Amino acid sequence: MLPTTMSPWAVILAGGEGARLRPLTQRLTGDARPKQFCPLFGSDTLLDRTRRRADMVIRPDRQIVVVTAAHEAYWASLVRELLPGRLLVQPQNRGTAPAILLGALTVRHLAGDTPIVILPSDHDIADERTFMKAVAHAVEAVADRREMVVLLGIEPRDAETEYGWIEPRPGGDDPVIAAIWRFWEKPSPAVARVLLQRGCLWNSFVMVGWAGGFVKLAARMVPDLELALAPAEAALGTRTPERALESARRRGHAPSWLAEAASLSA
């Protein structure tokens, strides 16, 4: 395990549909499984590799995996492999923000307010050790800054148009950590060339921050989540979380996706 003085948790996002690469995964596997469940290189799936990579910084008992019910045939073995409460099953994929929020709330329920690492499970990373050293550095960077969320950027090789880009705010004092000026999602070739020249970064979507920081960020960026947070967190760890969340939805305290994502493992 790479050195870090903190004891972070991981929220591994594995609920996506992988629509863009579906033609490739169908050719490789013969079915429509999302790419995170596909062994693109060797026998390990991208999710397997993500979990192994997470082990370099985060203890296995502190790793949560967020999946979608429709993909059960591909993640069923996780029920036996993960400790209770570490597998979050969403009845439907409602996007990244709900999955991150559910993961952050679950970590806070299980361990209190503690640093967490958000790890997408569909990345192919050649130098895993160097990448996870950067993750460990980010964990240390947020140790005394509970409101900070660090988003890891990747130095680009070319003017890629299929990735999201991060434009750092110029003039920062820290040579490694900088404020974000703006995001560019799948830019045109001309814009991508300009971003490359400006020293912008590819967006890894790997994020590090405190569980409470992610909850506050979600409440600020998605206002209708704010009233949903209390009933959602209260439902965690109960035998009938779906009943509590549905009750909150009927009272108008929760957006529709939260009631549909009620099948959290207790």
C-alpha atoms as a PDB file:
ATOM      1  CA  MET A   1       0.000   0.000   0.000  1.00  0.00           C
ATOM      2  CA  LEU A   2       1.336   3.439  -0.915  1.00  0.00           C
ATOM      3  CA  PRO A   3       2.154   5.656   2.082  1.00  0.00           C
ATOM      4  CA  THR A   4      -0.472   8.103   3.338  1.00  0.00           C
ATOM      5  CA  THR A   5      -1.075   9.346   6.864  1.00  0.00           C
ATOM      6  CA  MET A   6      -4.836   9.428   6.288  1.00  0.00           C
ATOM      7  CA  SER A   7      -7.253   6.480   6.199  1.00  0.00           C
ATOM      8  CA  PRO A   8      -9.444   7.234   3.183  1.00  0.00           C
ATOM      9  CA  TRP A   9     -12.429   5.379   1.798  1.00  0.00           C
ATOM     10  CA  ALA A  10     -13.161   4.749  -1.879  1.00  0.00           C
ATOM     11  CA  VAL A  11     -16.419   5.079  -3.797  1.00  0.00           C
ATOM     12  CA  ILE A  12     -16.013   3.084  -7.008  1.00  0.00           C
ATOM     13  CA  LEU A  13     -18.529   4.082  -9.663  1.00  0.00           C
ATOM     14  CA  ALA A  14     -19.669   1.048 -11.675  1.00  0.00           C
ATOM     15  CA  GLY A  15     -23.267   1.884 -12.562  1.00  0.00           C
ATOM     16  CA  GLY A  16     -22.812   3.404 -16.019  1.00  0.00           C
ATOM     17  CA  GLU A  17     -24.245   1.979 -19.223  1.00  0.00           C
ATOM     18  CA  GLY A  18     -21.068   2.269 -21.329  1.00  0.00           C
ATOM     19  CA  ALA A  19     -23.102   3.086 -24.419  1.00  0.00           C
ATOM     20  CA  ARG A  20     -20.254   4.642 -26.416  1.00  0.00           C
ATOM     21  CA  LEU A  21     -18.141   1.463 -26.369  1.00  0.00           C
ATOM     22  CA  ARG A  22     -21.045  -0.981 -26.600  1.00  0.00           C
ATOM     23  CA  PRO A  23     -20.258  -2.101 -30.183  1.00  0.00           C
ATOM     24  CA  LEU A  24     -16.737  -3.058 -29.033  1.00  0.00           C
ATOM     25  CA  THR A  25     -17.844  -4.828 -25.865  1.00  0.00           C
ATOM     26  CA  GLN A  26     -20.481  -6.762 -27.805  1.00  0.00           C
ATOM     27  CA  ARG A  27     -17.843  -7.998 -30.212  1.00  0.00           C
ATOM     28  CA  LEU A  28     -15.570  -9.017 -27.342  1.00  0.00           C
ATOM     29  CA  THR A  29     -18.137 -10.682 -25.082  1.00  0.00           C
ATOM     30  CA  GLY A  30     -21.167 -11.446 -27.238  1.00  0.00           C
ATOM     31  CA  ASP A  31     -23.523  -9.434 -25.045  1.00  0.00           C
ATOM     32  CA  ALA A  32     -24.336  -5.816 -24.212  1.00  0.00           C
ATOM     33  CA  ARG A  33     -22.479  -5.588 -20.906  1.00  0.00           C
ATOM     34  CA  PRO A  34     -21.110  -2.146 -19.942  1.00  0.00           C
ATOM     35  CA  LYS A  35     -17.391  -1.664 -20.430  1.00  0.00           C
ATOM     36  CA  GLN A  36     -16.556  -1.756 -16.699  1.00  0.00           C
ATOM     37  CA  PHE A  37     -17.571  -5.441 -16.682  1.00  0.00           C
ATOM     38  CA  CYS A  38     -15.631  -6.249 -19.829  1.00  0.00           C
ATOM     39  CA  PRO A  39     -12.141  -7.843 -19.826  1.00  0.00           C
ATOM     40  CA  LEU A  40     -10.641  -5.545 -22.431  1.00  0.00           C
ATOM     41  CA  PHE A  41      -7.081  -6.577 -21.530  1.00  0.00           C
ATOM     42  CA  GLY A  42      -6.438 -10.086 -20.240  1.00  0.00           C
ATOM     43  CA  SER A  43      -8.930 -11.816 -17.951  1.00  0.00           C
ATOM     44  CA  ASP A  44      -9.550  -8.958 -15.484  1.00  0.00           C
ATOM     45  CA  THR A  45     -12.424  -6.570 -16.119  1.00  0.00           C
ATOM     46  CA  LEU A  46     -11.921  -2.827 -15.853  1.00  0.00           C
ATOM     47  CA  LEU A  47     -13.790  -2.962 -12.525  1.00  0.00           C
ATOM     48  CA  ASP A  48     -11.422  -5.691 -11.287  1.00  0.00           C
ATOM     49  CA  ARG A  49      -8.455  -3.520 -12.212  1.00  0.00           C
ATOM     50  CA  THR A  50      -9.980  -0.471 -10.545  1.00  0.00           C
ATOM     51  CA  ARG A  51     -10.481  -2.375  -7.296  1.00  0.00           C
ATOM     52  CA  ARG A  52      -6.929  -3.723  -7.418  1.00  0.00           C
ATOM     53  CA  ARG A  53      -5.615  -0.222  -8.101  1.00  0.00           C
ATOM     54  CA  ALA A  54      -7.620   1.156  -5.171  1.00  0.00           C
ATOM     55  CA  ASP A  55      -5.930  -1.401  -2.879  1.00  0.00           C
ATOM     56  CA  MET A  56      -2.664   0.533  -3.300  1.00  0.00           C
ATOM     57  CA  VAL A  57      -4.017   3.414  -1.206  1.00  0.00           C
ATOM     58  CA  ILE A  58      -7.289   2.255   0.368  1.00  0.00           C
ATOM     59  CA  ARG A  59      -7.958  -0.825   2.483  1.00  0.00           C
ATOM     60  CA  PRO A  60     -10.390  -3.278   0.837  1.00  0.00           C
ATOM     61  CA  ASP A  61     -12.816  -3.012   3.772  1.00  0.00           C
ATOM     62  CA  ARG A  62     -13.079   0.729   3.088  1.00  0.00           C
ATOM     63  CA  GLN A  63     -14.166   0.411  -0.514  1.00  0.00           C
ATOM     64  CA  ILE A  64     -17.758   0.937  -1.672  1.00  0.00           C
ATOM     65  CA  VAL A  65     -18.944  -0.075  -5.141  1.00  0.00           C
ATOM     66  CA  VAL A  66     -21.996   1.589  -6.725  1.00  0.00           C
ATOM     67  CA  VAL A  67     -23.772  -0.546  -9.335  1.00  0.00           C
ATOM     68  CA  THR A  68     -27.094  -0.690 -11.182  1.00  0.00           C
ATOM     69  CA  ALA A  69     -29.666  -3.458 -10.694  1.00  0.00           C
ATOM     70  CA  ALA A  70     -29.995  -4.165 -14.419  1.00  0.00           C
ATOM     71  CA  HIS A  71     -26.338  -5.276 -14.525  1.00  0.00           C
ATOM     72  CA  GLU A  72     -26.676  -7.864 -11.738  1.00  0.00           C
ATOM     73  CA  ALA A  73     -25.471 -10.704 -13.948  1.00  0.00           C
ATOM     74  CA  TYR A  74     -22.094  -8.974 -14.148  1.00  0.00           C
ATOM     75  CA  TRP A  75     -21.636  -7.823 -10.535  1.00  0.00           C
ATOM     76  CA  ALA A  76     -23.377 -10.643  -8.614  1.00  0.00           C
ATOM     77  CA  SER A  77     -20.076 -11.992  -7.268  1.00  0.00           C
ATOM     78  CA  LEU A  78     -19.515  -8.710  -5.395  1.00  0.00           C
ATOM     79  CA  VAL A  79     -22.233  -9.695  -2.924  1.00  0.00           C
ATOM     80  CA  ARG A  80     -19.861 -12.365  -1.584  1.00  0.00           C
ATOM     81  CA  GLU A  81     -16.661 -10.355  -1.975  1.00  0.00           C
ATOM     82  CA  LEU A  82     -17.651  -7.087  -0.276  1.00  0.00           C
ATOM     83  CA  LEU A  83     -18.461  -6.504   3.373  1.00  0.00           C
ATOM     84  CA  PRO A  84     -22.055  -5.612   4.315  1.00  0.00           C
ATOM     85  CA  GLY A  85     -22.950  -2.060   3.376  1.00  0.00           C
ATOM     86  CA  ARG A  86     -20.206  -1.786   0.761  1.00  0.00           C
ATOM     87  CA  LEU A  87     -22.373  -2.592  -2.266  1.00  0.00           C
ATOM     88  CA  LEU A  88     -24.859   0.102  -3.309  1.00  0.00           C
ATOM     89  CA  VAL A  89     -27.416  -1.112  -5.830  1.00  0.00           C
ATOM     90  CA  GLN A  90     -29.268   1.567  -7.773  1.00  0.00           C
ATOM     91  CA  PRO A  91     -32.542   0.362  -9.332  1.00  0.00           C
ATOM     92  CA  GLN A  92     -31.726   2.632 -12.278  1.00  0.00           C
ATOM     93  CA  ASN A  93     -28.689   4.559 -13.424  1.00  0.00           C
ATOM     94  CA  ARG A  94     -29.491   8.218 -12.723  1.00  0.00           C
ATOM     95  CA  GLY A  95     -26.107   9.644 -13.586  1.00  0.00           C
ATOM     96  CA  THR A  96     -22.905  10.367 -11.737  1.00  0.00           C
ATOM     97  CA  ALA A  97     -24.044  12.962  -9.189  1.00  0.00           C
ATOM     98  CA  PRO A  98     -26.594  10.693  -7.427  1.00  0.00           C
ATOM     99  CA  ALA A  99     -24.058   7.850  -7.303  1.00  0.00           C
ATOM    100  CA  ILE A 100     -21.396  10.085  -5.747  1.00  0.00           C
ATOM    101  CA  LEU A 101     -23.862  11.510  -3.233  1.00  0.00           C
ATOM    102  CA  LEU A 102     -25.127   8.078  -2.208  1.00  0.00           C
ATOM    103  CA  GLY A 103     -21.550   6.906  -1.784  1.00  0.00           C
ATOM    104  CA  ALA A 104     -20.590   9.937   0.306  1.00  0.00           C
ATOM    105  CA  LEU A 105     -23.654   9.543   2.529  1.00  0.00           C
ATOM    106  CA  THR A 106     -22.909   5.851   3.009  1.00  0.00           C
ATOM    107  CA  VAL A 107     -19.289   6.494   3.968  1.00  0.00           C
ATOM    108  CA  ARG A 108     -20.406   9.136   6.457  1.00  0.00           C
ATOM    109  CA  HIS A 109     -22.907   6.670   7.907  1.00  0.00           C
ATOM    110  CA  LEU A 110     -20.321   3.887   8.216  1.00  0.00           C
ATOM    111  CA  ALA A 111     -17.256   5.873   9.287  1.00  0.00           C
ATOM    112  CA  GLY A 112     -18.215   9.458  10.023  1.00  0.00           C
ATOM    113  CA  ASP A 113     -16.789  12.382   8.090  1.00  0.00           C
ATOM    114  CA  THR A 114     -13.616  11.062   6.508  1.00  0.00           C
ATOM    115  CA  PRO A 115     -11.705  11.539   3.228  1.00  0.00           C
ATOM    116  CA  ILE A 116     -13.058   9.632   0.241  1.00  0.00           C
ATOM    117  CA  VAL A 117     -11.718   8.949  -3.242  1.00  0.00           C
ATOM    118  CA  ILE A 118     -14.169   8.801  -6.150  1.00  0.00           C
ATOM    119  CA  LEU A 119     -12.922   6.265  -8.697  1.00  0.00           C
ATOM    120  CA  PRO A 120     -14.653   5.630 -12.041  1.00  0.00           C
ATOM    121  CA  SER A 121     -14.308   1.965 -12.956  1.00  0.00           C
ATOM    122  CA  ASP A 122     -13.915   2.326 -16.716  1.00  0.00           C
ATOM    123  CA  HIS A 123     -10.364   3.715 -16.892  1.00  0.00           C
ATOM    124  CA  ASP A 124      -7.400   1.983 -18.494  1.00  0.00           C
ATOM    125  CA  ILE A 125      -4.286   3.235 -16.680  1.00  0.00           C
ATOM    126  CA  ALA A 126      -0.884   1.953 -17.759  1.00  0.00           C
ATOM    127  CA  ASP A 127       1.221   3.278 -14.849  1.00  0.00           C
ATOM    128  CA  GLU A 128      -1.109   2.483 -11.975  1.00  0.00           C
ATOM    129  CA  ARG A 129       1.469   3.026  -9.243  1.00  0.00           C
ATOM    130  CA  THR A 130       2.305   6.565 -10.349  1.00  0.00           C
ATOM    131  CA  PHE A 131      -1.377   7.376 -10.740  1.00  0.00           C
ATOM    132  CA  MET A 132      -2.227   6.157  -7.249  1.00  0.00           C
ATOM    133  CA  LYS A 133       0.703   8.108  -5.823  1.00  0.00           C
ATOM    134  CA  ALA A 134      -1.070  11.181  -7.165  1.00  0.00           C
ATOM    135  CA  VAL A 135      -4.264  10.020  -5.456  1.00  0.00           C
ATOM    136  CA  ALA A 136      -2.390   9.567  -2.170  1.00  0.00           C
ATOM    137  CA  HIS A 137      -0.938  13.082  -2.553  1.00  0.00           C
ATOM    138  CA  ALA A 138      -4.456  14.450  -3.059  1.00  0.00           C
ATOM    139  CA  VAL A 139      -5.628  12.683   0.107  1.00  0.00           C
ATOM    140  CA  GLU A 140      -2.846  14.381   2.063  1.00  0.00           C
ATOM    141  CA  ALA A 141      -3.679  17.729   0.412  1.00  0.00           C
ATOM    142  CA  VAL A 142      -7.260  17.720   1.732  1.00  0.00           C
ATOM    143  CA  ALA A 143      -6.281  16.538   5.226  1.00  0.00           C
ATOM    144  CA  ASP A 144      -6.748  19.960   6.827  1.00  0.00           C
ATOM    145  CA  ARG A 145      -9.121  21.387   4.213  1.00  0.00           C
ATOM    146  CA  ARG A 146     -12.509  19.741   4.691  1.00  0.00           C
ATOM    147  CA  GLU A 147     -14.267  21.979   2.168  1.00  0.00           C
ATOM    148  CA  MET A 148     -11.809  21.233  -0.648  1.00  0.00           C
ATOM    149  CA  VAL A 149     -12.504  18.736  -3.423  1.00  0.00           C
ATOM    150  CA  VAL A 150      -9.491  17.836  -5.580  1.00  0.00           C
ATOM    151  CA  LEU A 151     -10.071  16.722  -9.175  1.00  0.00           C
ATOM    152  CA  LEU A 152      -7.118  14.939 -10.753  1.00  0.00           C
ATOM    153  CA  GLY A 153      -6.030  16.132 -14.190  1.00  0.00           C
ATOM    154  CA  ILE A 154      -3.882  14.231 -16.672  1.00  0.00           C
ATOM    155  CA  GLU A 155      -1.203  15.826 -18.806  1.00  0.00           C
ATOM    156  CA  PRO A 156      -2.496  15.404 -22.378  1.00  0.00           C
ATOM    157  CA  ARG A 157      -0.582  13.676 -25.141  1.00  0.00           C
ATOM    158  CA  ASP A 158      -2.584  15.272 -27.940  1.00  0.00           C
ATOM    159  CA  ALA A 159      -5.599  17.442 -28.748  1.00  0.00           C
ATOM    160  CA  GLU A 160      -8.129  14.758 -27.824  1.00  0.00           C
ATOM    161  CA  THR A 161     -11.762  15.636 -28.625  1.00  0.00           C
ATOM    162  CA  GLU A 162     -13.464  12.689 -26.891  1.00  0.00           C
ATOM    163  CA  TYR A 163     -12.343  13.639 -23.368  1.00  0.00           C
ATOM    164  CA  GLY A 164     -13.353  16.371 -20.997  1.00  0.00           C
ATOM    165  CA  TRP A 165     -10.712  19.031 -20.319  1.00  0.00           C
ATOM    166  CA  ILE A 166      -9.847  21.120 -17.239  1.00  0.00           C
ATOM    167  CA  GLU A 167      -8.561  24.655 -17.588  1.00  0.00           C
ATOM    168  CA  PRO A 168      -6.631  25.628 -14.417  1.00  0.00           C
ATOM    169  CA  ARG A 169      -6.914  29.155 -13.093  1.00  0.00           C
ATOM    170  CA  PRO A 170      -3.638  30.946 -13.843  1.00  0.00           C
ATOM    171  CA  GLY A 171      -1.421  32.489 -11.199  1.00  0.00           C
ATOM    172  CA  GLY A 172      -1.780  30.002  -8.354  1.00  0.00           C
ATOM    173  CA  ASP A 173       0.882  29.636  -5.659  1.00  0.00           C
ATOM    174  CA  ASP A 174       0.884  25.824  -5.554  1.00  0.00           C
ATOM    175  CA  PRO A 175       2.750  24.223  -8.489  1.00  0.00           C
ATOM    176  CA  VAL A 176       0.698  21.009  -8.191  1.00  0.00           C
ATOM    177  CA  ILE A 177      -2.785  22.030  -7.000  1.00  0.00           C
ATOM    178  CA  ALA A 178      -4.587  24.848  -8.783  1.00  0.00           C
ATOM    179  CA  ALA A 179      -8.095  26.245  -8.779  1.00  0.00           C
ATOM    180  CA  ILE A 180     -10.197  25.337 -11.823  1.00  0.00           C
ATOM    181  CA  TRP A 181     -11.048  28.161 -14.199  1.00  0.00           C
ATOM    182  CA  ARG A 182     -13.524  26.196 -16.315  1.00  0.00           C
ATOM    183  CA  PHE A 183     -14.386  22.815 -17.834  1.00  0.00           C
ATOM    184  CA  TRP A 184     -14.468  21.951 -21.529  1.00  0.00           C
ATOM    185  CA  GLU A 185     -16.486  18.853 -22.413  1.00  0.00           C
ATOM    186  CA  LYS A 186     -15.496  17.076 -25.658  1.00  0.00           C
ATOM    187  CA  PRO A 187     -14.262  20.199 -27.463  1.00  0.00           C
ATOM    188  CA  SER A 188     -14.020  20.645 -31.207  1.00  0.00           C
ATOM    189  CA  PRO A 189     -10.627  19.868 -32.809  1.00  0.00           C
ATOM    190  CA  ALA A 190      -9.801  23.569 -33.048  1.00  0.00           C
ATOM    191  CA  VAL A 191     -10.648  24.225 -29.391  1.00  0.00           C
ATOM    192  CA  ALA A 192      -8.779  21.095 -28.290  1.00  0.00           C
ATOM    193  CA  ARG A 193      -5.625  22.343 -29.997  1.00  0.00           C
ATOM    194  CA  VAL A 194      -5.929  25.665 -28.159  1.00  0.00           C
ATOM    195  CA  LEU A 195      -6.457  23.875 -24.839  1.00  0.00           C
ATOM    196  CA  LEU A 196      -3.363  21.764 -25.461  1.00  0.00           C
ATOM    197  CA  GLN A 197      -1.320  24.904 -26.143  1.00  0.00           C
ATOM    198  CA  ARG A 198      -2.650  26.567 -22.976  1.00  0.00           C
ATOM    199  CA  GLY A 199      -1.436  23.710 -20.802  1.00  0.00           C
ATOM    200  CA  CYS A 200      -4.917  22.451 -19.955  1.00  0.00           C
ATOM    201  CA  LEU A 201      -5.450  18.924 -18.650  1.00  0.00           C
ATOM    202  CA  TRP A 202      -7.585  15.932 -19.443  1.00  0.00           C
ATOM    203  CA  ASN A 203     -10.294  15.373 -16.831  1.00  0.00           C
ATOM    204  CA  SER A 204      -9.710  12.038 -15.077  1.00  0.00           C
ATOM    205  CA  PHE A 205     -12.941  12.403 -13.068  1.00  0.00           C
ATOM    206  CA  VAL A 206     -11.049  10.975 -10.089  1.00  0.00           C
ATOM    207  CA  MET A 207     -11.915  13.190  -7.115  1.00  0.00           C
ATOM    208  CA  VAL A 208     -10.716  13.374  -3.526  1.00  0.00           C
ATOM    209  CA  GLY A 209     -12.345  15.178  -0.618  1.00  0.00           C
ATOM    210  CA  TRP A 210     -14.101  14.674   2.691  1.00  0.00           C
ATOM    211  CA  ALA A 211     -17.456  12.903   2.688  1.00  0.00           C
ATOM    212  CA  GLY A 212     -19.100  15.973   4.197  1.00  0.00           C
ATOM    213  CA  GLY A 213     -17.460  18.158   1.569  1.00  0.00           C
ATOM    214  CA  PHE A 214     -19.014  16.125  -1.231  1.00  0.00           C
ATOM    215  CA  VAL A 215     -22.423  16.304   0.442  1.00  0.00           C
ATOM    216  CA  LYS A 216     -22.179  20.088   0.760  1.00  0.00           C
ATOM    217  CA  LEU A 217     -20.975  20.417  -2.817  1.00  0.00           C
ATOM    218  CA  ALA A 218     -23.910  18.362  -4.085  1.00  0.00           C
ATOM    219  CA  ALA A 219     -26.357  20.477  -2.071  1.00  0.00           C
ATOM    220  CA  ARG A 220     -24.861  23.678  -3.493  1.00  0.00           C
ATOM    221  CA  MET A 221     -24.621  22.553  -7.112  1.00  0.00           C
ATOM    222  CA  VAL A 222     -27.918  20.615  -7.246  1.00  0.00           C
ATOM    223  CA  PRO A 223     -30.302  22.608  -5.027  1.00  0.00           C
ATOM    224  CA  ASP A 224     -33.114  20.042  -4.960  1.00  0.00           C
ATOM    225  CA  LEU A 225     -30.802  17.610  -3.182  1.00  0.00           C
ATOM    226  CA  GLU A 226     -30.418  19.725  -0.055  1.00  0.00           C
ATOM    227  CA  LEU A 227     -33.689  18.711   1.604  1.00  0.00           C
ATOM    228  CA  ALA A 228     -33.160  15.124   0.464  1.00  0.00           C
ATOM    229  CA  LEU A 229     -29.937  14.683   2.397  1.00  0.00           C
ATOM    230  CA  ALA A 230     -31.393  14.241   5.899  1.00  0.00           C
ATOM    231  CA  PRO A 231     -33.987  11.543   5.052  1.00  0.00           C
ATOM    232  CA  ALA A 232     -31.521   9.775   2.794  1.00  0.00           C
ATOM    233  CA  GLU A 233     -28.864   9.556   5.480  1.00  0.00           C
ATOM    234  CA  ALA A 234     -31.424   8.567   8.103  1.00  0.00           C
ATOM    235  CA  ALA A 235     -32.509   5.664   5.898  1.00  0.00           C
ATOM    236  CA  LEU A 236     -29.016   4.245   5.583  1.00  0.00           C
ATOM    237  CA  GLY A 237     -28.416   1.198   7.727  1.00  0.00           C
ATOM    238  CA  THR A 238     -32.125   0.464   8.235  1.00  0.00           C
ATOM    239  CA  ARG A 239     -33.821  -2.703   7.083  1.00  0.00           C
ATOM    240  CA  THR A 240     -36.273  -0.765   4.953  1.00  0.00           C
ATOM    241  CA  PRO A 241     -34.406   2.214   3.487  1.00  0.00           C
ATOM    242  CA  GLU A 242     -36.742   2.295   0.511  1.00  0.00           C
ATOM    243  CA  ARG A 243     -39.710   2.996   2.818  1.00  0.00           C
ATOM    244  CA  ALA A 244     -38.003   5.985   4.434  1.00  0.00           C
ATOM    245  CA  LEU A 245     -36.887   7.402   1.117  1.00  0.00           C
ATOM    246  CA  GLU A 246     -40.290   6.936  -0.486  1.00  0.00           C
ATOM    247  CA  SER A 247     -41.887   8.693   2.489  1.00  0.00           C
ATOM    248  CA  ALA A 248     -39.461  11.587   2.053  1.00  0.00           C
ATOM    249  CA  ARG A 249     -40.290  11.743  -1.655  1.00  0.00           C
ATOM    250  CA  ARG A 250     -44.033  11.942  -0.949  1.00  0.00           C
ATOM    251  CA  ARG A 251     -43.387  14.829   1.445  1.00  0.00           C
ATOM    252  CA  GLY A 252     -41.523  16.611  -1.325  1.00  0.00           C
ATOM    253  CA  HIS A 253     -38.166  16.294   0.424  1.00  0.00           C
ATOM    254  CA  ALA A 254     -36.484  14.126  -2.166  1.00  0.00           C
ATOM    255  CA  PRO A 255     -36.068  14.174  -5.933  1.00  0.00           C
ATOM    256  CA  SER A 256     -37.494  11.226  -7.839  1.00  0.00           C
ATOM    257  CA  TRP A 257     -34.132   9.531  -8.461  1.00  0.00           C
ATOM    258  CA  LEU A 258     -33.529   9.231  -4.710  1.00  0.00           C
ATOM    259  CA  ALA A 259     -36.677   7.196  -4.141  1.00  0.00           C
ATOM    260  CA  GLU A 260     -35.719   5.005  -7.091  1.00  0.00           C
ATOM    261  CA  ALA A 261     -32.234   4.502  -5.642  1.00  0.00           C
ATOM    262  CA  ALA A 262     -33.590   3.167  -2.372  1.00  0.00           C
ATOM    263  CA  SER A 263     -32.193  -0.362  -2.547  1.00  0.00           C
ATOM    264  CA  LEU A 264     -29.083   0.446  -0.553  1.00  0.00           C
ATOM    265  CA  SER A 265     -27.606  -2.594   1.110  1.00  0.00           C
ATOM    266  CA  ALA A 266     -27.970  -2.184   4.864  1.00  0.00           C
END
